[in-house]
């Protein structure tokens, strides 16, 4: 089973790195005038969305490691940035922390160890957490792409691969 578990873990981490790499490229395309763009009331601005997206690896890692809500909010504030350069660094560093964590788990722990988020009713396995983290990043990367498209930036589907 080891080879299958390693293959699954590596595939998910590779998919996550595609989100990291393409998020970096999308951020590079953003004209600073878009930073305050908000498609509708109650939605995040471009920069708020960008911060949320790049923080996903570190914030979700903190959540799955059962950090308290106050610890997570403190981390969010510490990771917040207003430059593309720093946003990219936050996401890149977060990816490596996340990868290191998941690679440190033995097969059994990756598949069966459970942890519970401060906001959740029930715990999830580590493999479920990694899947959730990947889908979370792709969801917000799609939003970032849409914000760029809505503001007239030159983006297309090839920016997502």
N, C-alpha and C. Protein backbone atom coordinates (compact mmCIF):
# COMPACT_ATOMS: atom_id res chain seq x y z
N UNK A 1 0.82 -1.20 0.00
CA UNK A 1 0.00 0.00 0.00
C UNK A 1 0.87 1.26 0.00
N UNK A 2 2.05 1.21 0.50
CA UNK A 2 2.91 2.39 0.63
C UNK A 2 3.04 3.15 -0.68
N UNK A 3 3.32 2.45 -1.79
CA UNK A 3 3.49 3.14 -3.06
C UNK A 3 2.23 3.88 -3.48
N UNK A 4 1.06 3.29 -3.25
CA UNK A 4 -0.20 3.94 -3.60
C UNK A 4 -0.44 5.17 -2.75
N UNK A 5 -0.15 5.09 -1.46
CA UNK A 5 -0.35 6.23 -0.56
C UNK A 5 0.60 7.36 -0.93
N UNK A 6 1.86 7.02 -1.16
CA UNK A 6 2.85 8.03 -1.56
C UNK A 6 2.44 8.68 -2.88
N UNK A 7 1.99 7.87 -3.82
CA UNK A 7 1.55 8.39 -5.11
C UNK A 7 0.37 9.35 -4.96
N UNK A 8 -0.58 8.98 -4.13
CA UNK A 8 -1.74 9.83 -3.89
C UNK A 8 -1.33 11.14 -3.23
N UNK A 9 -0.52 11.06 -2.20
CA UNK A 9 -0.05 12.26 -1.49
C UNK A 9 0.73 13.16 -2.45
N UNK A 10 1.64 12.58 -3.22
CA UNK A 10 2.45 13.37 -4.16
C UNK A 10 1.58 14.02 -5.24
N UNK A 11 0.59 13.29 -5.71
CA UNK A 11 -0.31 13.84 -6.73
C UNK A 11 -1.07 15.04 -6.19
N UNK A 12 -1.60 14.92 -4.99
CA UNK A 12 -2.33 16.05 -4.39
C UNK A 12 -1.41 17.24 -4.15
N UNK A 13 -0.21 16.99 -3.67
CA UNK A 13 0.74 18.09 -3.45
C UNK A 13 1.18 18.71 -4.77
N UNK A 14 1.35 17.91 -5.80
CA UNK A 14 1.69 18.44 -7.13
C UNK A 14 0.54 19.31 -7.66
N UNK A 15 -0.68 18.85 -7.49
CA UNK A 15 -1.84 19.65 -7.91
C UNK A 15 -1.90 20.96 -7.14
N UNK A 16 -1.59 20.89 -5.86
CA UNK A 16 -1.59 22.12 -5.08
C UNK A 16 -0.52 23.08 -5.60
N UNK A 17 0.64 22.55 -5.98
CA UNK A 17 1.69 23.44 -6.47
C UNK A 17 1.31 24.09 -7.80
N UNK A 18 0.50 23.44 -8.60
CA UNK A 18 -0.02 24.10 -9.81
C UNK A 18 -0.83 25.33 -9.41
N UNK A 19 -1.63 25.22 -8.37
CA UNK A 19 -2.39 26.38 -7.88
C UNK A 19 -1.45 27.47 -7.40
N UNK A 20 -0.37 27.11 -6.74
CA UNK A 20 0.62 28.09 -6.26
C UNK A 20 1.25 28.81 -7.45
N UNK A 21 1.77 28.04 -8.38
CA UNK A 21 2.47 28.61 -9.55
C UNK A 21 1.55 29.51 -10.37
N UNK A 22 0.34 29.06 -10.62
CA UNK A 22 -0.58 29.85 -11.45
C UNK A 22 -1.13 31.05 -10.69
N UNK A 23 -1.27 30.94 -9.39
CA UNK A 23 -1.66 32.11 -8.59
C UNK A 23 -0.59 33.17 -8.67
N UNK A 24 0.66 32.76 -8.58
CA UNK A 24 1.77 33.72 -8.73
C UNK A 24 1.67 34.45 -10.06
N UNK A 25 1.42 33.73 -11.13
CA UNK A 25 1.33 34.34 -12.46
C UNK A 25 0.13 35.28 -12.56
N UNK A 26 -1.00 34.90 -11.98
CA UNK A 26 -2.17 35.78 -12.00
C UNK A 26 -1.90 37.06 -11.21
N UNK A 27 -1.26 36.93 -10.06
CA UNK A 27 -0.93 38.12 -9.27
C UNK A 27 -0.01 39.05 -10.04
N UNK A 28 0.93 38.48 -10.79
CA UNK A 28 1.86 39.28 -11.59
C UNK A 28 1.12 40.08 -12.67
N UNK A 29 0.03 39.56 -13.17
CA UNK A 29 -0.73 40.23 -14.23
C UNK A 29 -1.60 41.37 -13.70
N UNK A 30 -1.83 41.39 -12.41
CA UNK A 30 -2.77 42.36 -11.83
C UNK A 30 -2.19 43.77 -11.84
N UNK A 31 -2.90 44.67 -12.48
CA UNK A 31 -2.57 46.08 -12.44
C UNK A 31 -2.94 46.61 -11.05
N UNK A 32 -2.09 47.39 -10.40
CA UNK A 32 -2.39 47.87 -9.04
C UNK A 32 -3.74 48.57 -8.90
N UNK A 33 -4.28 49.12 -9.98
CA UNK A 33 -5.60 49.76 -9.88
C UNK A 33 -6.70 48.76 -9.54
N UNK A 34 -6.46 47.48 -9.76
CA UNK A 34 -7.47 46.46 -9.47
C UNK A 34 -7.49 46.06 -8.00
N UNK A 35 -6.48 46.42 -7.25
CA UNK A 35 -6.35 45.98 -5.87
C UNK A 35 -7.58 46.30 -5.01
N UNK A 36 -8.25 47.40 -5.29
CA UNK A 36 -9.43 47.78 -4.50
C UNK A 36 -10.73 47.33 -5.16
N UNK A 37 -10.64 46.65 -6.29
CA UNK A 37 -11.84 46.19 -7.00
C UNK A 37 -12.64 45.22 -6.14
N UNK A 38 -13.95 45.47 -6.09
CA UNK A 38 -14.88 44.63 -5.34
C UNK A 38 -16.10 44.40 -6.24
N UNK A 39 -16.32 43.20 -6.72
CA UNK A 39 -17.39 42.96 -7.70
C UNK A 39 -18.79 43.27 -7.19
N UNK A 40 -19.02 43.13 -5.90
CA UNK A 40 -20.33 43.42 -5.32
C UNK A 40 -20.16 43.66 -3.83
N UNK A 41 -21.09 44.38 -3.28
CA UNK A 41 -21.05 44.63 -1.83
C UNK A 41 -21.09 43.29 -1.10
N UNK A 42 -20.30 43.20 -0.04
CA UNK A 42 -20.26 41.97 0.74
C UNK A 42 -19.23 40.97 0.24
N UNK A 43 -18.61 41.26 -0.91
CA UNK A 43 -17.55 40.38 -1.42
C UNK A 43 -16.20 41.00 -1.08
N UNK A 44 -15.18 40.18 -1.10
CA UNK A 44 -13.83 40.66 -0.83
C UNK A 44 -13.34 41.55 -1.97
N UNK A 45 -12.47 42.49 -1.63
CA UNK A 45 -11.76 43.22 -2.67
C UNK A 45 -10.73 42.27 -3.28
N UNK A 46 -10.16 42.68 -4.40
CA UNK A 46 -9.11 41.87 -5.03
C UNK A 46 -8.00 41.57 -4.04
N UNK A 47 -7.53 42.60 -3.33
CA UNK A 47 -6.40 42.40 -2.41
C UNK A 47 -6.80 41.53 -1.21
N UNK A 48 -8.02 41.68 -0.72
CA UNK A 48 -8.48 40.80 0.37
C UNK A 48 -8.54 39.35 -0.11
N UNK A 49 -9.04 39.15 -1.32
CA UNK A 49 -9.10 37.80 -1.89
C UNK A 49 -7.69 37.24 -2.10
N UNK A 50 -6.80 38.07 -2.64
CA UNK A 50 -5.42 37.62 -2.86
C UNK A 50 -4.77 37.20 -1.55
N UNK A 51 -4.96 37.98 -0.50
CA UNK A 51 -4.40 37.61 0.80
C UNK A 51 -4.99 36.30 1.30
N UNK A 52 -6.30 36.16 1.19
CA UNK A 52 -6.92 34.91 1.65
C UNK A 52 -6.36 33.72 0.89
N UNK A 53 -6.26 33.84 -0.43
CA UNK A 53 -5.78 32.75 -1.26
C UNK A 53 -4.35 32.36 -0.92
N UNK A 54 -3.46 33.32 -0.82
CA UNK A 54 -2.05 32.97 -0.58
C UNK A 54 -1.82 32.44 0.82
N UNK A 55 -2.73 32.76 1.73
CA UNK A 55 -2.59 32.28 3.11
C UNK A 55 -3.14 30.88 3.32
N UNK A 56 -3.86 30.35 2.35
CA UNK A 56 -4.50 29.04 2.51
C UNK A 56 -3.56 27.96 3.02
N UNK A 57 -2.36 27.79 2.45
CA UNK A 57 -1.53 26.69 2.96
C UNK A 57 -1.21 26.82 4.44
N UNK A 58 -0.81 28.00 4.89
CA UNK A 58 -0.43 28.15 6.30
C UNK A 58 -1.64 28.20 7.22
N UNK A 59 -2.70 28.87 6.79
CA UNK A 59 -3.89 28.97 7.66
C UNK A 59 -4.57 27.61 7.78
N UNK A 60 -4.76 26.93 6.67
CA UNK A 60 -5.42 25.62 6.74
C UNK A 60 -4.55 24.61 7.49
N UNK A 61 -3.24 24.72 7.36
CA UNK A 61 -2.35 23.85 8.13
C UNK A 61 -2.53 24.12 9.63
N UNK A 62 -2.59 25.37 10.00
CA UNK A 62 -2.80 25.72 11.42
C UNK A 62 -4.14 25.19 11.91
N UNK A 63 -5.16 25.30 11.07
CA UNK A 63 -6.49 24.81 11.46
C UNK A 63 -6.48 23.29 11.62
N UNK A 64 -5.88 22.57 10.68
CA UNK A 64 -5.88 21.10 10.80
C UNK A 64 -5.00 20.63 11.95
N UNK A 65 -4.07 21.48 12.36
CA UNK A 65 -3.23 21.14 13.52
C UNK A 65 -3.89 21.61 14.82
N UNK A 66 -5.16 21.94 14.73
CA UNK A 66 -6.03 22.25 15.86
C UNK A 66 -5.61 23.50 16.63
N UNK A 67 -5.12 24.50 15.91
CA UNK A 67 -4.85 25.79 16.54
C UNK A 67 -6.19 26.43 16.87
N UNK A 68 -6.18 27.29 17.86
CA UNK A 68 -7.41 27.97 18.27
C UNK A 68 -7.79 29.06 17.27
N UNK A 69 -9.00 29.51 17.35
CA UNK A 69 -9.45 30.59 16.46
C UNK A 69 -8.58 31.83 16.63
N UNK A 70 -8.25 32.18 17.85
CA UNK A 70 -7.42 33.37 18.06
C UNK A 70 -6.02 33.19 17.47
N UNK A 71 -5.46 31.99 17.58
CA UNK A 71 -4.15 31.73 16.98
C UNK A 71 -4.21 31.85 15.45
N UNK A 72 -5.28 31.36 14.87
CA UNK A 72 -5.45 31.42 13.41
C UNK A 72 -5.61 32.87 12.97
N UNK A 73 -6.41 33.65 13.69
CA UNK A 73 -6.62 35.06 13.33
C UNK A 73 -5.32 35.86 13.47
N UNK A 74 -4.54 35.54 14.47
CA UNK A 74 -3.24 36.19 14.65
C UNK A 74 -2.30 35.86 13.48
N UNK A 75 -2.31 34.62 13.06
CA UNK A 75 -1.49 34.20 11.92
C UNK A 75 -1.94 34.91 10.65
N UNK A 76 -3.25 35.01 10.43
CA UNK A 76 -3.76 35.73 9.26
C UNK A 76 -3.26 37.17 9.24
N UNK A 77 -3.32 37.83 10.36
CA UNK A 77 -2.86 39.22 10.44
C UNK A 77 -1.36 39.32 10.16
N UNK A 78 -0.60 38.39 10.69
CA UNK A 78 0.85 38.40 10.50
C UNK A 78 1.23 38.14 9.04
N UNK A 79 0.45 37.32 8.34
CA UNK A 79 0.76 36.97 6.96
C UNK A 79 0.23 37.97 5.94
N UNK A 80 -0.60 38.88 6.37
CA UNK A 80 -1.23 39.83 5.46
C UNK A 80 -0.20 40.73 4.80
N UNK A 81 -0.41 41.00 3.52
CA UNK A 81 0.53 41.80 2.75
C UNK A 81 -0.20 42.67 1.74
N UNK A 82 0.50 43.66 1.23
CA UNK A 82 -0.10 44.51 0.20
C UNK A 82 0.76 44.62 -1.06
N UNK A 83 1.75 43.73 -1.19
CA UNK A 83 2.57 43.71 -2.41
C UNK A 83 2.54 42.32 -3.03
N UNK A 84 2.59 42.28 -4.34
CA UNK A 84 2.60 41.00 -5.05
C UNK A 84 3.80 40.17 -4.63
N UNK A 85 4.93 40.80 -4.51
CA UNK A 85 6.15 40.08 -4.11
C UNK A 85 5.94 39.35 -2.79
N UNK A 86 5.41 40.05 -1.79
CA UNK A 86 5.19 39.44 -0.48
C UNK A 86 4.07 38.40 -0.51
N UNK A 87 3.03 38.65 -1.28
CA UNK A 87 1.95 37.67 -1.40
C UNK A 87 2.49 36.36 -1.95
N UNK A 88 3.31 36.45 -2.96
CA UNK A 88 3.90 35.25 -3.56
C UNK A 88 4.78 34.51 -2.55
N UNK A 89 5.54 35.24 -1.76
CA UNK A 89 6.40 34.62 -0.75
C UNK A 89 5.57 33.89 0.31
N UNK A 90 4.47 34.50 0.72
CA UNK A 90 3.59 33.86 1.72
C UNK A 90 3.08 32.53 1.20
N UNK A 91 2.63 32.52 -0.06
CA UNK A 91 2.07 31.28 -0.60
C UNK A 91 3.16 30.22 -0.81
N UNK A 92 4.30 30.64 -1.31
CA UNK A 92 5.40 29.70 -1.55
C UNK A 92 5.88 29.08 -0.23
N UNK A 93 6.08 29.91 0.77
CA UNK A 93 6.51 29.40 2.07
C UNK A 93 5.45 28.47 2.66
N UNK A 94 4.20 28.86 2.53
CA UNK A 94 3.10 28.03 3.04
C UNK A 94 3.05 26.68 2.36
N UNK A 95 3.27 26.68 1.06
CA UNK A 95 3.28 25.41 0.33
C UNK A 95 4.36 24.48 0.89
N UNK A 96 5.54 25.01 1.11
CA UNK A 96 6.64 24.16 1.61
C UNK A 96 6.37 23.66 3.03
N UNK A 97 5.75 24.48 3.86
CA UNK A 97 5.37 24.04 5.20
C UNK A 97 4.32 22.93 5.12
N UNK A 98 3.34 23.13 4.26
CA UNK A 98 2.28 22.15 4.08
C UNK A 98 2.84 20.83 3.55
N UNK A 99 3.69 20.92 2.55
CA UNK A 99 4.31 19.73 1.96
C UNK A 99 5.14 18.99 3.00
N UNK A 100 5.91 19.72 3.76
CA UNK A 100 6.74 19.11 4.80
C UNK A 100 5.87 18.39 5.83
N UNK A 101 4.78 19.02 6.23
CA UNK A 101 3.88 18.39 7.21
C UNK A 101 3.33 17.08 6.65
N UNK A 102 2.75 17.12 5.45
CA UNK A 102 2.12 15.91 4.92
C UNK A 102 3.15 14.83 4.61
N UNK A 103 4.34 15.21 4.19
CA UNK A 103 5.38 14.21 3.93
C UNK A 103 5.93 13.61 5.22
N UNK A 104 5.72 14.29 6.35
CA UNK A 104 6.21 13.75 7.63
C UNK A 104 5.29 12.67 8.19
N UNK A 105 4.09 12.57 7.65
CA UNK A 105 3.13 11.59 8.15
C UNK A 105 3.42 10.21 7.58
N UNK A 106 3.34 9.20 8.41
CA UNK A 106 3.42 7.85 7.86
C UNK A 106 2.10 7.54 7.17
N UNK A 107 2.08 6.46 6.40
CA UNK A 107 0.89 6.12 5.60
C UNK A 107 -0.36 6.01 6.46
N UNK A 108 -0.24 5.32 7.57
CA UNK A 108 -1.40 5.12 8.45
C UNK A 108 -1.96 6.45 8.94
N UNK A 109 -1.08 7.34 9.41
CA UNK A 109 -1.54 8.65 9.89
C UNK A 109 -2.15 9.48 8.77
N UNK A 110 -1.54 9.45 7.60
CA UNK A 110 -2.08 10.20 6.46
C UNK A 110 -3.50 9.75 6.15
N UNK A 111 -3.74 8.46 6.23
CA UNK A 111 -5.06 7.92 5.87
C UNK A 111 -6.08 7.95 7.00
N UNK A 112 -5.62 7.85 8.26
CA UNK A 112 -6.59 7.64 9.35
C UNK A 112 -6.54 8.64 10.49
N UNK A 113 -5.41 9.32 10.68
CA UNK A 113 -5.32 10.28 11.79
C UNK A 113 -6.33 11.41 11.57
N UNK A 114 -7.07 11.71 12.63
CA UNK A 114 -8.08 12.75 12.53
C UNK A 114 -7.69 13.97 13.36
N UNK A 115 -8.13 15.12 12.88
CA UNK A 115 -8.00 16.35 13.65
C UNK A 115 -9.23 17.20 13.37
N UNK A 116 -9.53 18.08 14.32
CA UNK A 116 -10.79 18.82 14.28
C UNK A 116 -10.52 20.33 14.28
N UNK A 117 -11.12 21.00 13.32
CA UNK A 117 -11.03 22.46 13.25
C UNK A 117 -11.82 23.10 14.39
N UNK A 118 -11.40 24.28 14.81
CA UNK A 118 -12.08 24.97 15.90
C UNK A 118 -13.54 25.25 15.58
N UNK A 119 -13.88 25.32 14.32
CA UNK A 119 -15.25 25.66 13.90
C UNK A 119 -16.10 24.43 13.54
N UNK A 120 -15.50 23.24 13.56
CA UNK A 120 -16.17 22.05 13.05
C UNK A 120 -16.84 21.25 14.16
N UNK A 121 -17.84 20.47 13.75
CA UNK A 121 -18.51 19.58 14.67
C UNK A 121 -17.80 18.24 14.79
N UNK A 122 -17.15 17.83 13.68
CA UNK A 122 -16.48 16.53 13.70
C UNK A 122 -15.11 16.64 13.07
N UNK A 123 -14.21 15.72 13.41
CA UNK A 123 -12.85 15.75 12.86
C UNK A 123 -12.80 15.17 11.44
N UNK A 124 -11.68 15.43 10.77
CA UNK A 124 -11.42 14.87 9.44
C UNK A 124 -10.06 14.19 9.43
N UNK A 125 -9.92 13.22 8.56
CA UNK A 125 -8.63 12.57 8.38
C UNK A 125 -7.68 13.53 7.66
N UNK A 126 -6.41 13.23 7.74
CA UNK A 126 -5.40 14.08 7.10
C UNK A 126 -5.54 14.07 5.58
N UNK A 127 -5.88 12.94 5.00
CA UNK A 127 -6.07 12.89 3.55
C UNK A 127 -7.27 13.76 3.15
N UNK A 128 -8.30 13.76 3.97
CA UNK A 128 -9.46 14.63 3.70
C UNK A 128 -9.04 16.09 3.80
N UNK A 129 -8.23 16.43 4.80
CA UNK A 129 -7.74 17.80 4.94
C UNK A 129 -6.96 18.24 3.71
N UNK A 130 -6.06 17.39 3.23
CA UNK A 130 -5.26 17.77 2.07
C UNK A 130 -6.15 17.98 0.84
N UNK A 131 -7.12 17.12 0.67
CA UNK A 131 -8.06 17.28 -0.45
C UNK A 131 -8.82 18.59 -0.32
N UNK A 132 -9.28 18.90 0.87
CA UNK A 132 -10.01 20.14 1.13
C UNK A 132 -9.13 21.36 0.85
N UNK A 133 -7.88 21.30 1.25
CA UNK A 133 -6.96 22.43 1.05
C UNK A 133 -6.74 22.67 -0.45
N UNK A 134 -6.58 21.61 -1.21
CA UNK A 134 -6.39 21.75 -2.65
C UNK A 134 -7.64 22.38 -3.28
N UNK A 135 -8.81 21.88 -2.95
CA UNK A 135 -10.04 22.42 -3.54
C UNK A 135 -10.28 23.85 -3.07
N UNK A 136 -9.94 24.16 -1.85
CA UNK A 136 -10.08 25.52 -1.31
C UNK A 136 -9.25 26.50 -2.14
N UNK A 137 -8.00 26.14 -2.41
CA UNK A 137 -7.12 27.01 -3.20
C UNK A 137 -7.64 27.17 -4.62
N UNK A 138 -8.08 26.10 -5.24
CA UNK A 138 -8.59 26.19 -6.61
C UNK A 138 -9.85 27.05 -6.68
N UNK A 139 -10.70 26.95 -5.69
CA UNK A 139 -11.92 27.78 -5.64
C UNK A 139 -11.55 29.27 -5.66
N UNK A 140 -10.64 29.66 -4.77
CA UNK A 140 -10.30 31.08 -4.69
C UNK A 140 -9.41 31.54 -5.84
N UNK A 141 -8.63 30.64 -6.40
CA UNK A 141 -7.85 30.99 -7.59
C UNK A 141 -8.81 31.31 -8.74
N UNK A 142 -9.89 30.55 -8.86
CA UNK A 142 -10.90 30.82 -9.89
C UNK A 142 -11.55 32.19 -9.67
N UNK A 143 -11.80 32.53 -8.43
CA UNK A 143 -12.34 33.86 -8.14
C UNK A 143 -11.36 34.95 -8.57
N UNK A 144 -10.08 34.76 -8.25
CA UNK A 144 -9.06 35.74 -8.62
C UNK A 144 -9.02 35.89 -10.14
N UNK A 145 -9.06 34.79 -10.86
CA UNK A 145 -9.10 34.80 -12.32
C UNK A 145 -10.30 35.62 -12.81
N UNK A 146 -11.46 35.38 -12.20
CA UNK A 146 -12.68 36.08 -12.60
C UNK A 146 -12.56 37.58 -12.33
N UNK A 147 -12.01 37.96 -11.19
CA UNK A 147 -11.81 39.39 -10.89
C UNK A 147 -10.94 40.02 -11.99
N UNK A 148 -9.88 39.33 -12.38
CA UNK A 148 -9.00 39.86 -13.42
C UNK A 148 -9.74 39.97 -14.74
N UNK A 149 -10.50 38.97 -15.08
CA UNK A 149 -11.28 38.97 -16.32
C UNK A 149 -12.28 40.14 -16.31
N UNK A 150 -12.96 40.32 -15.18
CA UNK A 150 -13.97 41.38 -15.07
C UNK A 150 -13.36 42.78 -15.17
N UNK A 151 -12.10 42.91 -14.85
CA UNK A 151 -11.46 44.23 -14.89
C UNK A 151 -10.63 44.43 -16.14
N UNK A 152 -10.84 43.58 -17.14
CA UNK A 152 -10.21 43.78 -18.44
C UNK A 152 -8.78 43.30 -18.57
N UNK A 153 -8.31 42.53 -17.64
CA UNK A 153 -6.95 41.99 -17.74
C UNK A 153 -6.89 40.88 -18.80
N UNK A 154 -5.74 40.74 -19.42
CA UNK A 154 -5.52 39.70 -20.43
C UNK A 154 -5.26 38.37 -19.72
N UNK A 155 -6.31 37.62 -19.47
CA UNK A 155 -6.18 36.29 -18.88
C UNK A 155 -7.04 35.33 -19.70
N UNK A 156 -6.59 34.09 -19.74
CA UNK A 156 -7.37 33.06 -20.42
C UNK A 156 -7.10 31.72 -19.75
N UNK A 157 -7.73 30.68 -20.25
CA UNK A 157 -7.65 29.38 -19.58
C UNK A 157 -6.22 28.86 -19.47
N UNK A 158 -5.34 29.29 -20.36
CA UNK A 158 -3.96 28.81 -20.30
C UNK A 158 -3.21 29.36 -19.09
N UNK A 159 -3.75 30.40 -18.47
CA UNK A 159 -3.16 30.93 -17.24
C UNK A 159 -3.41 30.01 -16.05
N UNK A 160 -4.24 29.00 -16.24
CA UNK A 160 -4.62 28.11 -15.14
C UNK A 160 -3.88 26.77 -15.17
N UNK A 161 -2.94 26.60 -16.11
CA UNK A 161 -2.24 25.32 -16.25
C UNK A 161 -0.75 25.48 -16.19
